């Protein structure tokens, strides 16, 4: 296949054969869903009424459905009712700038951004996502500061990502956004002048979602989570709920082993508590097994989707070092670290420049000292926690409940300076 044909594959609208309406019955209860389509003007002046561009890959048909009828009660759980559409409620009028019809990954990235940011509505916050995982998440004194921090947390992965903002996008934030190659920007509103700035990015999808203003309400809403199996079967479950919303929800790190009680000796500071609450909210949207590091309301390193906990703790550290070196290089020379390394290899730059960046990264330990280590489940052994402790973390938040919790408690107390730790009493897996 020629190169131009390969490129065209990603710009074509595949189309789909999914029905316009879908009905699901739960015993005597029925829920009705309607397929979402948009009439979007193409460059040649034609307008196609189409749905999702394609699925996870260009050869997979896909469809987006919005709940339009039916209230569901299962046991004592009342599930989300019609009329609360977020991603499934996006209209063509909400698409303030459309480079092309959205694909499944664009929509699921927005959805997971909302899934995280619904817990961060108390102040300006921004999430940058790629392949349905956060690359960077941050609070800020202003929206522009929040996005800048989230973007700088991982400039490499942010390329081609989706951004979800919890405040109206102003001109200052739009200027920062316009300097990146992004696929989607979603915000509750776009202030005067912001759209004109973003218009410089031709293929950027700009989505207005007014309901973000009351996104905190969605904390208490549950939905039915479906997983289809290769044999055509379906696993259905209630959606997860993050119940760690304040210091009162944190549990002491205490364990008993062979008749002896073990307890973490140092209590967390207010800043550490704040980062625990923030980090657990971000963790809620990270593919498991996962370990993340956060500091001052911003992610430092994000490890996702690994099979073992010590491995993902190490990967999150490894990524933090890579991203930190890239950021230092960009701030110093205005180019990515990979470009600097290539120029050094070609003899176009002095190797001392690269060595200086490497030395500073090692000296600063990628900004990890003083951060809070967040684990979405318990540490089966102390080795996972030791990975973070060796990098100078000051605190740990984990589920607790391991038979060997006492080992991790000992690791915290032995650390110099001592590391504090709290348990959540709940796991936060996402698959």
Foldseek 3Di string as FASTA:
>chain_A
DDPVVVVVLVAAQPADDDDQKDWDDDDPWIWIKGWDWAFDAAPVGHTDTGAASAEPGSVHHDTAIATADTWDDDPNATADGHPLDFLSPFYNVQFPAALHHHHHQQSLLQVLQLQLCLLVLPAKKKFKDDSQATQKIFGDNHNLRRVVQRCLLFVPRSAQTEMEILAAAEQSNLQVVCVHHYAEYEYQHHDPPSVVSNVVNNRHTYGHGVCSPVSNVCLRHKDWDWDADPVRDIDIDIQDHDPLRAPVLWAFLWDDDPHDIFGQDDDDDPQQRVQQNSVVSSLLRAAPQWKWKDHSGMTQFIFGDDDALLVSLLVRLVSLLQSLLQSVCCVVPVHGLVVVVVCVVVVNDDVVVNVVSNVVSVVCSSVLAQIEMEGLADHLALSSVVSSLVSHYAEYEHADDHNVSSRNSVVQVPRVVHHGYIHNVDGNHDD
